Protein backbone atom coordinates (compact mmCIF):
# COMPACT_ATOMS: atom_id res chain seq x y z
CA MET A 1 182.99 90.38 67.32
CA LEU A 2 180.74 92.83 67.02
CA PRO A 3 178.26 94.32 69.23
CA VAL A 4 174.83 94.13 68.10
CA LEU A 5 173.88 97.60 67.49
CA ALA A 6 170.68 99.46 69.44
CA GLY A 7 169.37 102.89 68.17
CA CYS A 8 167.40 104.52 65.99
CA GLY A 9 166.99 103.28 62.33
CA GLY A 10 167.40 105.43 59.36
CA PRO A 11 165.28 105.09 55.95
CA GLY A 12 166.03 108.61 54.51
CA GLU A 13 169.53 110.17 52.87
CA ARG A 14 171.68 107.86 55.25
CA GLY A 15 170.03 104.73 54.51
CA ASP A 16 170.00 105.04 50.54
CA GLN A 17 173.64 105.71 51.01
CA VAL A 18 174.43 102.60 53.19
CA THR A 19 172.19 100.79 50.90
CA ALA A 20 173.73 101.92 47.91
CA ALA A 21 177.40 101.05 49.52
CA ALA A 22 176.22 97.41 50.76
CA THR A 23 174.47 96.76 47.18
CA ALA A 24 178.00 97.86 45.37
CA PHE A 25 179.78 95.72 47.70
CA GLU A 26 178.02 92.94 46.38
CA ARG A 27 178.15 93.55 42.91
CA ALA A 28 181.77 93.51 43.25
CA LEU A 29 181.50 90.72 45.26
CA ASP A 30 179.97 88.78 42.62
CA GLY A 31 181.79 90.15 39.84
CA ASP A 32 184.72 89.16 41.68
CA ASP A 33 186.22 92.40 41.26
CA ARG A 34 188.96 92.77 44.11
CA ALA A 35 189.63 96.00 43.41
CA ALA A 36 186.66 97.21 44.33
CA LEU A 37 186.16 95.16 47.18
CA CYS A 38 188.93 96.64 48.62
CA ALA A 39 188.20 100.31 48.18
CA ALA A 40 184.78 99.50 49.97
CA LEU A 41 186.62 98.16 52.79
CA ALA A 42 187.25 100.46 55.99
CA PRO A 43 190.94 101.19 56.38
CA GLU A 44 190.94 99.06 59.55
CA THR A 45 189.19 96.29 57.73
CA ARG A 46 191.41 96.18 54.85
CA SER A 47 194.59 95.85 57.30
CA GLU A 48 193.24 93.05 59.03
CA VAL A 49 192.28 91.55 55.74
CA GLU A 50 196.00 92.01 54.51
CA GLU A 51 197.81 91.07 57.54
CA SER A 52 195.28 87.61 57.99
CA GLU A 53 196.64 86.57 54.79
CA LYS A 54 200.21 88.25 54.63
CA LYS A 55 199.03 89.67 51.22
CA PRO A 56 198.27 92.94 49.11
CA CYS A 57 194.15 93.20 49.94
CA LEU A 58 194.00 92.55 45.99
CA ASP A 59 195.25 88.95 46.75
CA ALA A 60 194.19 88.59 50.17
CA VAL A 61 190.28 89.74 49.96
CA GLY A 62 189.40 86.74 47.30
CA ALA A 63 190.68 84.27 50.16
CA GLN A 64 188.16 85.61 52.77
CA ASP A 65 185.42 83.12 51.21
CA LEU A 66 183.01 85.44 51.77
CA PRO A 67 179.11 84.69 51.20
CA ALA A 68 177.19 86.28 48.61
CA GLY A 69 174.66 88.32 51.01
CA GLY A 70 171.72 89.06 47.79
CA PRO A 71 169.87 91.67 48.21
CA VAL A 72 169.72 94.50 50.86
CA ARG A 73 166.24 93.49 53.18
CA SER A 74 167.28 96.24 55.90
CA VAL A 75 169.10 99.04 56.81
CA ASP A 76 169.79 100.46 60.28
CA VAL A 77 171.47 103.75 60.76
CA TYR A 78 172.88 104.64 64.22
CA GLY A 79 174.91 108.01 63.61
CA ARG A 80 178.06 106.97 61.79
CA GLN A 81 177.31 103.49 62.24
CA ALA A 82 175.24 100.96 60.06
CA ARG A 83 173.63 97.58 59.86
CA ALA A 84 172.73 96.03 56.48
CA VAL A 85 170.47 93.06 57.00
CA LEU A 86 170.99 91.41 53.37
CA ARG A 87 169.22 87.78 52.18
CA SER A 88 172.30 85.50 53.17
CA ASP A 89 174.46 88.10 55.38
CA THR A 90 174.92 90.65 57.67
CA LEU A 91 177.40 93.84 56.91
CA PHE A 92 178.55 96.00 59.32
CA LEU A 93 179.24 99.73 57.92
CA SER A 94 180.74 103.54 59.08
CA ARG A 95 180.99 106.79 57.63
CA PHE A 96 184.55 108.09 56.55
CA PRO A 97 185.19 111.38 54.73
CA ASP A 98 185.04 109.76 50.81
CA GLY A 99 181.65 107.52 51.87
CA TRP A 100 180.07 104.50 53.51
CA LYS A 101 182.87 101.63 54.20
CA ILE A 102 182.35 97.89 54.79
CA VAL A 103 183.58 97.31 58.47
CA ALA A 104 182.71 93.86 59.05
CA ALA A 105 181.26 91.14 56.55
CA GLY A 106 180.18 87.28 56.53
CA CYS A 107 178.20 88.23 59.83
CA VAL A 108 176.36 86.12 61.52
CA PRO A 109 173.94 86.86 64.43
CA ARG A 110 174.27 84.59 68.06
CA SER A 111 171.58 84.86 70.21
CA GLY A 112 172.26 87.25 73.13
CA ARG A 113 175.98 87.72 72.16
CA PRO A 114 178.05 89.57 69.16
CA TYR A 115 177.62 88.97 65.96
CA ARG A 116 180.39 86.34 64.53
CA CYS A 117 182.26 88.42 61.34
CA SER A 118 184.59 86.29 58.66
CA VAL A 119 185.96 89.89 57.95
CA GLN A 120 186.44 92.48 60.24
CA GLY A 121 188.78 95.30 61.33
CA GLY A 122 190.85 95.25 64.82
C-alpha cells in the first residue's frame, strides 16, 4: 500500500518528464511491449513482479493484469517522487539516475486510506 502524497505539485520540466514516462508506460501496455514495460519499472517493483510470478519480468509482467489507464489527466511532483493520475489508473513514480520509473501501477484510491496497487515495489 502506498501513502497519499502531500506537497507541492509540479508543472514544468519535472512534470513534463513524469507525464512522458507515464505516457510511455501506457503505450507499452497498450502495445503489449513487455520489454518496454519491464524497463519502465523501478528496480524494486520489477523484482516484486518477478518474485510474485516466479518468472523473469518479460514473462511475469503480462500476468499482472494492469488496466489501460488512458491519457494523463494530472501530475503531482514531490521532489524525487511523483503521482500521475490517468483516466482509469494512478501511477506512482520515482526519479532514478536514468529517469522516472514506475514504482506502482494499477492503483485505486481508498477514502482515508493509502492507495491499493496491483503492482508495486516492496
